[in-house]
Every structure is written in C-alpha cells, then in structure tokens.
Amino acid sequence: MVKLLEQVRTHLSSANTDEQVAAARQLGEQRQWDALPDLLRLLAQDECGYSVAHALRGFGPEVCDQVGLLLLHEHKPVQYRAAWTLAGFNDKRAVKPMLAALSEPYFHEPFLPTLHRMGVPDFDHVLVRELSRHRLATNYPSPRFRASSFLWALAQMRTPAAVDLAPHFMQDHHYTLVRQRAQRYLEAISPNRQAQA
C-alpha cells in the first residue's frame, strides 16, 4: 500500500494533467496528509488548479486552516482556488475572494450558485451591478461570458432585481447567447415578481 501511494504521489509531478488530477483525487480521498504540501502547490497551476481545489475537500474540514493561509497568496488565482476549497465546507472566509473573482474577465462559473447557497446578502444586486457593466455590448468573449453567466444565475435565483436591465441585453447588437439568456431570465420571473421590482 505504501509503495502504491508513493507511486501516486509521483503522478503529482507528471507533465500529464489528467494524471495529476487523478493522483490529487486519490490522495484526497485517502486523506494522505503528508501529500498536502504538494497538493497545495498544485493550486497554482491553471491546468488543474480547480480540480485540485475540489480534491482537497476529500481531507474534510480539517484542511480548512491550511488552505485558508492561501487566501493571502500573492497570486489571485491561487486565492480563488483556495476559496473554492473552503466553500465546499461553507467556510465564510471563501466569500470575499469569490466575490472579488466576479470582477475578473473570466471566473469559475460555479462560484455563482455557491455564493447564493452561502447566503451572501443582496447577492442578486451584486450580480446586477456586474451585469450592468456590459449593457452596451457583448461582442467580445469576456463580456459575453460574464453577461450570459450573470443572467443565467439571476434566472436560477428567480429574483426580479434585473427586470429593468434585462431588456437591454435582448437588443440585436448583443451576442445571441446573451439575448437568449436575457429572454429566459424574463420568462423565469413571474409577473407578480416583476411587479415587486
């Protein structure tokens, strides 16, 4: 068994991302604490960082204090991935960096339902503020991704907070997916809720 675990640990240094992720998952599931420093270093890798962050949840909530130290890391992506691990345990330290990530050109889309589940106050208004930054155009990949993600999340939340803003995203100069998401958002909120806005 020990020899097998050593072999798994060597996969953490592999050039193959799939091998790294599989090794991280196995070590997390088996709670191999001696491998934790290596796993924490892998959070810095763009190719597998979020998969490793998810694998770290296998250690249980006891891992939170060590992962929490990475919220002070100099690189924001490492902070965001550490926050993703903490969010799996509903650790409130995850909220601030995950909210900060939403202002980035691209962010980890599962942050949206997670922040909502964690009960962030006025989260729908946070999303509307971010969405409003793209009301004029969504021709480029980042605004397109951001606007469609925010509209999707608002529709899932069934909040009337964006009822006045959504029609702007249905205009022809917006990207097709964004127009569709705006339409679905408006369909998702009932006439009663539109009246509350």
C-alpha atoms as a PDB file:
ATOM      1  CA  MET A   1       0.000   0.000   0.000  1.00  0.00           C
ATOM      2  CA  VAL A   2       2.810   2.411   0.925  1.00  0.00           C
ATOM      3  CA  LYS A   3       4.572   1.721  -2.355  1.00  0.00           C
ATOM      4  CA  LEU A   4       1.350   2.340  -4.265  1.00  0.00           C
ATOM      5  CA  LEU A   5       0.829   5.684  -2.512  1.00  0.00           C
ATOM      6  CA  GLU A   6       4.386   6.713  -3.339  1.00  0.00           C
ATOM      7  CA  GLN A   7       3.690   5.923  -6.974  1.00  0.00           C
ATOM      8  CA  VAL A   8       0.507   8.018  -6.822  1.00  0.00           C
ATOM      9  CA  ARG A   9       2.480  10.900  -5.315  1.00  0.00           C
ATOM     10  CA  THR A  10       4.948  10.772  -8.199  1.00  0.00           C
ATOM     11  CA  HIS A  11       1.984  11.436 -10.539  1.00  0.00           C
ATOM     12  CA  LEU A  12       1.584  14.832  -8.882  1.00  0.00           C
ATOM     13  CA  SER A  13       4.768  15.859 -10.707  1.00  0.00           C
ATOM     14  CA  SER A  14       3.667  14.391 -14.014  1.00  0.00           C
ATOM     15  CA  ALA A  15       3.535  16.525 -17.154  1.00  0.00           C
ATOM     16  CA  ASN A  16       0.148  14.916 -17.809  1.00  0.00           C
ATOM     17  CA  THR A  17      -2.618  16.995 -16.194  1.00  0.00           C
ATOM     18  CA  ASP A  18      -5.029  14.051 -16.093  1.00  0.00           C
ATOM     19  CA  GLU A  19      -2.509  12.036 -14.068  1.00  0.00           C
ATOM     20  CA  GLN A  20      -2.017  14.960 -11.692  1.00  0.00           C
ATOM     21  CA  VAL A  21      -5.761  15.341 -11.127  1.00  0.00           C
ATOM     22  CA  ALA A  22      -6.302  11.591 -10.646  1.00  0.00           C
ATOM     23  CA  ALA A  23      -3.452  11.486  -8.126  1.00  0.00           C
ATOM     24  CA  ALA A  24      -4.818  14.525  -6.280  1.00  0.00           C
ATOM     25  CA  ARG A  25      -8.257  12.932  -6.032  1.00  0.00           C
ATOM     26  CA  GLN A  26      -6.871   9.633  -4.782  1.00  0.00           C
ATOM     27  CA  LEU A  27      -4.649  11.284  -2.184  1.00  0.00           C
ATOM     28  CA  GLY A  28      -7.530  13.471  -1.012  1.00  0.00           C
ATOM     29  CA  GLU A  29      -9.949  10.560  -0.744  1.00  0.00           C
ATOM     30  CA  GLN A  30      -7.385   8.597   1.267  1.00  0.00           C
ATOM     31  CA  ARG A  31      -6.588  11.671   3.388  1.00  0.00           C
ATOM     32  CA  GLN A  32      -2.846  11.418   2.817  1.00  0.00           C
ATOM     33  CA  TRP A  33      -1.789  14.390   4.920  1.00  0.00           C
ATOM     34  CA  ASP A  34       1.899  14.021   4.059  1.00  0.00           C
ATOM     35  CA  ALA A  35       0.979  14.839   0.428  1.00  0.00           C
ATOM     36  CA  LEU A  36      -0.884  18.029   1.386  1.00  0.00           C
ATOM     37  CA  PRO A  37       2.047  20.439   0.764  1.00  0.00           C
ATOM     38  CA  ASP A  38       2.391  19.087  -2.781  1.00  0.00           C
ATOM     39  CA  LEU A  39      -1.349  19.405  -3.373  1.00  0.00           C
ATOM     40  CA  LEU A  40      -1.371  22.986  -2.110  1.00  0.00           C
ATOM     41  CA  ARG A  41       1.412  23.837  -4.568  1.00  0.00           C
ATOM     42  CA  LEU A  42      -0.696  22.438  -7.419  1.00  0.00           C
ATOM     43  CA  LEU A  43      -3.369  25.062  -6.743  1.00  0.00           C
ATOM     44  CA  ALA A  44      -1.094  27.486  -8.612  1.00  0.00           C
ATOM     45  CA  GLN A  45      -1.421  25.545 -11.874  1.00  0.00           C
ATOM     46  CA  ASP A  46      -4.026  26.881 -14.275  1.00  0.00           C
ATOM     47  CA  GLU A  47      -4.477  23.497 -15.959  1.00  0.00           C
ATOM     48  CA  CYS A  48      -5.553  21.579 -12.871  1.00  0.00           C
ATOM     49  CA  GLY A  49      -5.932  24.111 -10.053  1.00  0.00           C
ATOM     50  CA  TYR A  50      -9.712  23.873  -9.643  1.00  0.00           C
ATOM     51  CA  SER A  51      -9.666  20.071  -9.865  1.00  0.00           C
ATOM     52  CA  VAL A  52      -7.051  20.001  -7.111  1.00  0.00           C
ATOM     53  CA  ALA A  53      -9.092  22.503  -5.082  1.00  0.00           C
ATOM     54  CA  HIS A  54     -12.037  20.148  -5.336  1.00  0.00           C
ATOM     55  CA  ALA A  55      -9.879  17.128  -4.443  1.00  0.00           C
ATOM     56  CA  LEU A  56      -8.673  18.906  -1.292  1.00  0.00           C
ATOM     57  CA  ARG A  57     -12.225  18.700   0.025  1.00  0.00           C
ATOM     58  CA  GLY A  58     -11.620  14.961   0.468  1.00  0.00           C
ATOM     59  CA  PHE A  59      -9.483  15.772   3.508  1.00  0.00           C
ATOM     60  CA  GLY A  60     -12.556  17.085   5.300  1.00  0.00           C
ATOM     61  CA  PRO A  61     -12.965  20.370   7.163  1.00  0.00           C
ATOM     62  CA  GLU A  62      -9.662  19.806   8.971  1.00  0.00           C
ATOM     63  CA  VAL A  63      -7.925  21.041   5.819  1.00  0.00           C
ATOM     64  CA  CYS A  64      -9.547  24.483   6.004  1.00  0.00           C
ATOM     65  CA  ASP A  65      -6.962  26.201   8.193  1.00  0.00           C
ATOM     66  CA  GLN A  66      -4.048  25.222   5.965  1.00  0.00           C
ATOM     67  CA  VAL A  67      -5.973  26.092   2.789  1.00  0.00           C
ATOM     68  CA  GLY A  68      -7.107  29.341   4.398  1.00  0.00           C
ATOM     69  CA  LEU A  69      -3.490  30.523   4.539  1.00  0.00           C
ATOM     70  CA  LEU A  70      -3.515  30.582   0.729  1.00  0.00           C
ATOM     71  CA  LEU A  71      -6.116  33.348   0.796  1.00  0.00           C
ATOM     72  CA  LEU A  72      -3.091  35.588   1.410  1.00  0.00           C
ATOM     73  CA  HIS A  73      -1.184  34.239  -1.599  1.00  0.00           C
ATOM     74  CA  GLU A  74       0.241  36.903  -3.931  1.00  0.00           C
ATOM     75  CA  HIS A  75      -1.479  35.429  -6.994  1.00  0.00           C
ATOM     76  CA  LYS A  76      -5.235  35.938  -7.161  1.00  0.00           C
ATOM     77  CA  PRO A  77      -5.965  32.658  -8.996  1.00  0.00           C
ATOM     78  CA  VAL A  78      -4.479  30.746  -6.060  1.00  0.00           C
ATOM     79  CA  GLN A  79      -6.669  32.759  -3.671  1.00  0.00           C
ATOM     80  CA  TYR A  80      -9.748  31.946  -5.751  1.00  0.00           C
ATOM     81  CA  ARG A  81      -8.964  28.229  -5.861  1.00  0.00           C
ATOM     82  CA  ALA A  82      -8.332  28.158  -2.116  1.00  0.00           C
ATOM     83  CA  ALA A  83     -11.679  29.882  -1.632  1.00  0.00           C
ATOM     84  CA  TRP A  84     -13.326  27.204  -3.786  1.00  0.00           C
ATOM     85  CA  THR A  85     -11.998  24.522  -1.437  1.00  0.00           C
ATOM     86  CA  LEU A  86     -13.237  26.421   1.617  1.00  0.00           C
ATOM     87  CA  ALA A  87     -16.666  26.985   0.066  1.00  0.00           C
ATOM     88  CA  GLY A  88     -17.145  23.230  -0.021  1.00  0.00           C
ATOM     89  CA  PHE A  89     -17.270  23.380   3.782  1.00  0.00           C
ATOM     90  CA  ASN A  90     -19.405  26.530   3.850  1.00  0.00           C
ATOM     91  CA  ASP A  91     -16.410  28.362   5.341  1.00  0.00           C
ATOM     92  CA  LYS A  92     -17.305  32.068   5.255  1.00  0.00           C
ATOM     93  CA  ARG A  93     -13.675  33.020   4.575  1.00  0.00           C
ATOM     94  CA  ALA A  94     -14.387  31.944   0.989  1.00  0.00           C
ATOM     95  CA  VAL A  95     -16.954  34.672   0.344  1.00  0.00           C
ATOM     96  CA  LYS A  96     -14.712  37.734  -0.032  1.00  0.00           C
ATOM     97  CA  PRO A  97     -12.262  36.262  -2.584  1.00  0.00           C
ATOM     98  CA  MET A  98     -15.075  34.596  -4.534  1.00  0.00           C
ATOM     99  CA  LEU A  99     -16.923  37.915  -4.761  1.00  0.00           C
ATOM    100  CA  ALA A 100     -13.682  39.600  -5.863  1.00  0.00           C
ATOM    101  CA  ALA A 101     -13.291  36.979  -8.592  1.00  0.00           C
ATOM    102  CA  LEU A 102     -16.573  38.080 -10.178  1.00  0.00           C
ATOM    103  CA  SER A 103     -14.931  41.316 -11.355  1.00  0.00           C
ATOM    104  CA  GLU A 104     -12.286  39.363 -13.295  1.00  0.00           C
ATOM    105  CA  PRO A 105     -12.643  38.949 -17.087  1.00  0.00           C
ATOM    106  CA  TYR A 106     -13.224  35.215 -16.522  1.00  0.00           C
ATOM    107  CA  PHE A 107     -14.159  33.469 -13.311  1.00  0.00           C
ATOM    108  CA  HIS A 108     -15.064  29.968 -12.155  1.00  0.00           C
ATOM    109  CA  GLU A 109     -18.770  29.884 -13.054  1.00  0.00           C
ATOM    110  CA  PRO A 110     -19.753  27.516 -10.198  1.00  0.00           C
ATOM    111  CA  PHE A 111     -18.923  30.419  -7.847  1.00  0.00           C
ATOM    112  CA  LEU A 112     -22.340  31.903  -8.679  1.00  0.00           C
ATOM    113  CA  PRO A 113     -24.641  29.203  -7.255  1.00  0.00           C
ATOM    114  CA  THR A 114     -22.190  28.589  -4.429  1.00  0.00           C
ATOM    115  CA  LEU A 115     -22.243  32.218  -3.301  1.00  0.00           C
ATOM    116  CA  HIS A 116     -26.028  32.193  -3.482  1.00  0.00           C
ATOM    117  CA  ARG A 117     -26.156  28.981  -1.431  1.00  0.00           C
ATOM    118  CA  MET A 118     -23.810  30.547   1.136  1.00  0.00           C
ATOM    119  CA  GLY A 119     -26.353  33.298   1.713  1.00  0.00           C
ATOM    120  CA  VAL A 120     -24.373  36.354   0.624  1.00  0.00           C
ATOM    121  CA  PRO A 121     -26.566  39.369   1.458  1.00  0.00           C
ATOM    122  CA  ASP A 122     -28.016  41.165  -1.591  1.00  0.00           C
ATOM    123  CA  PHE A 123     -26.167  38.799  -3.905  1.00  0.00           C
ATOM    124  CA  ASP A 124     -28.675  39.423  -6.670  1.00  0.00           C
ATOM    125  CA  HIS A 125     -27.813  43.134  -6.552  1.00  0.00           C
ATOM    126  CA  VAL A 126     -24.096  42.307  -6.746  1.00  0.00           C
ATOM    127  CA  LEU A 127     -24.800  40.337  -9.938  1.00  0.00           C
ATOM    128  CA  VAL A 128     -26.915  43.151 -11.395  1.00  0.00           C
ATOM    129  CA  ARG A 129     -24.084  45.626 -10.758  1.00  0.00           C
ATOM    130  CA  GLU A 130     -21.611  43.361 -12.555  1.00  0.00           C
ATOM    131  CA  LEU A 131     -24.085  42.694 -15.368  1.00  0.00           C
ATOM    132  CA  SER A 132     -24.700  46.400 -15.928  1.00  0.00           C
ATOM    133  CA  ARG A 133     -21.064  46.848 -16.954  1.00  0.00           C
ATOM    134  CA  HIS A 134     -21.891  45.054 -20.211  1.00  0.00           C
ATOM    135  CA  ARG A 135     -25.195  46.648 -21.147  1.00  0.00           C
ATOM    136  CA  LEU A 136     -23.758  48.352 -24.233  1.00  0.00           C
ATOM    137  CA  ALA A 137     -22.071  45.397 -25.923  1.00  0.00           C
ATOM    138  CA  THR A 138     -21.187  41.720 -25.534  1.00  0.00           C
ATOM    139  CA  ASN A 139     -19.254  41.234 -28.774  1.00  0.00           C
ATOM    140  CA  TYR A 140     -16.025  40.090 -27.147  1.00  0.00           C
ATOM    141  CA  PRO A 141     -15.540  36.765 -25.329  1.00  0.00           C
ATOM    142  CA  SER A 142     -15.142  38.095 -21.787  1.00  0.00           C
ATOM    143  CA  PRO A 143     -18.233  40.373 -21.711  1.00  0.00           C
ATOM    144  CA  ARG A 144     -20.190  37.620 -23.468  1.00  0.00           C
ATOM    145  CA  PHE A 145     -19.177  35.040 -20.855  1.00  0.00           C
ATOM    146  CA  ARG A 146     -19.812  37.403 -17.946  1.00  0.00           C
ATOM    147  CA  ALA A 147     -23.205  38.679 -19.119  1.00  0.00           C
ATOM    148  CA  SER A 148     -24.528  35.219 -20.012  1.00  0.00           C
ATOM    149  CA  SER A 149     -23.291  33.795 -16.686  1.00  0.00           C
ATOM    150  CA  PHE A 150     -24.865  36.569 -14.623  1.00  0.00           C
ATOM    151  CA  LEU A 151     -28.179  36.347 -16.497  1.00  0.00           C
ATOM    152  CA  TRP A 152     -28.226  32.559 -16.018  1.00  0.00           C
ATOM    153  CA  ALA A 153     -27.582  32.919 -12.272  1.00  0.00           C
ATOM    154  CA  LEU A 154     -30.248  35.598 -11.882  1.00  0.00           C
ATOM    155  CA  ALA A 155     -32.761  33.366 -13.684  1.00  0.00           C
ATOM    156  CA  GLN A 156     -31.885  30.458 -11.366  1.00  0.00           C
ATOM    157  CA  MET A 157     -32.414  32.725  -8.362  1.00  0.00           C
ATOM    158  CA  ARG A 158     -35.746  33.934  -9.776  1.00  0.00           C
ATOM    159  CA  THR A 159     -35.051  37.417  -8.485  1.00  0.00           C
ATOM    160  CA  PRO A 160     -36.685  40.500 -10.018  1.00  0.00           C
ATOM    161  CA  ALA A 161     -33.535  42.562  -9.379  1.00  0.00           C
ATOM    162  CA  ALA A 162     -32.585  42.726 -13.098  1.00  0.00           C
ATOM    163  CA  VAL A 163     -36.065  43.156 -14.550  1.00  0.00           C
ATOM    164  CA  ASP A 164     -35.273  46.673 -15.828  1.00  0.00           C
ATOM    165  CA  LEU A 165     -31.791  45.775 -17.038  1.00  0.00           C
ATOM    166  CA  ALA A 166     -32.512  42.501 -18.863  1.00  0.00           C
ATOM    167  CA  PRO A 167     -34.334  44.100 -21.853  1.00  0.00           C
ATOM    168  CA  HIS A 168     -31.114  45.949 -22.763  1.00  0.00           C
ATOM    169  CA  PHE A 169     -29.497  42.560 -23.376  1.00  0.00           C
ATOM    170  CA  MET A 170     -32.220  41.488 -25.790  1.00  0.00           C
ATOM    171  CA  GLN A 171     -31.223  44.072 -28.396  1.00  0.00           C
ATOM    172  CA  ASP A 172     -29.759  42.881 -31.696  1.00  0.00           C
ATOM    173  CA  HIS A 173     -26.256  44.203 -31.069  1.00  0.00           C
ATOM    174  CA  HIS A 174     -25.812  41.707 -28.197  1.00  0.00           C
ATOM    175  CA  TYR A 175     -24.463  38.222 -28.796  1.00  0.00           C
ATOM    176  CA  THR A 176     -27.100  35.514 -29.453  1.00  0.00           C
ATOM    177  CA  LEU A 177     -26.461  33.537 -26.243  1.00  0.00           C
ATOM    178  CA  VAL A 178     -26.739  36.711 -24.176  1.00  0.00           C
ATOM    179  CA  ARG A 179     -30.060  37.618 -25.820  1.00  0.00           C
ATOM    180  CA  GLN A 180     -31.350  34.096 -25.142  1.00  0.00           C
ATOM    181  CA  ARG A 181     -30.291  34.229 -21.501  1.00  0.00           C
ATOM    182  CA  ALA A 182     -31.971  37.613 -21.065  1.00  0.00           C
ATOM    183  CA  GLN A 183     -35.176  36.200 -22.533  1.00  0.00           C
ATOM    184  CA  ARG A 184     -35.023  33.143 -20.269  1.00  0.00           C
ATOM    185  CA  TYR A 185     -34.426  35.373 -17.270  1.00  0.00           C
ATOM    186  CA  LEU A 186     -37.544  37.402 -18.019  1.00  0.00           C
ATOM    187  CA  GLU A 187     -39.542  34.216 -18.539  1.00  0.00           C
ATOM    188  CA  ALA A 188     -38.256  32.793 -15.250  1.00  0.00           C
ATOM    189  CA  ILE A 189     -39.616  35.583 -13.121  1.00  0.00           C
ATOM    190  CA  SER A 190     -43.359  35.622 -12.799  1.00  0.00           C
ATOM    191  CA  PRO A 191     -45.485  38.725 -13.488  1.00  0.00           C
ATOM    192  CA  ASN A 192     -46.007  39.006  -9.712  1.00  0.00           C
ATOM    193  CA  ARG A 193     -42.284  39.292  -9.140  1.00  0.00           C
ATOM    194  CA  GLN A 194     -41.869  41.798 -11.964  1.00  0.00           C
ATOM    195  CA  ALA A 195     -44.413  43.930 -10.149  1.00  0.00           C
ATOM    196  CA  GLN A 196     -42.307  43.784  -6.957  1.00  0.00           C
ATOM    197  CA  ALA A 197     -39.211  45.164  -8.690  1.00  0.00           C
END
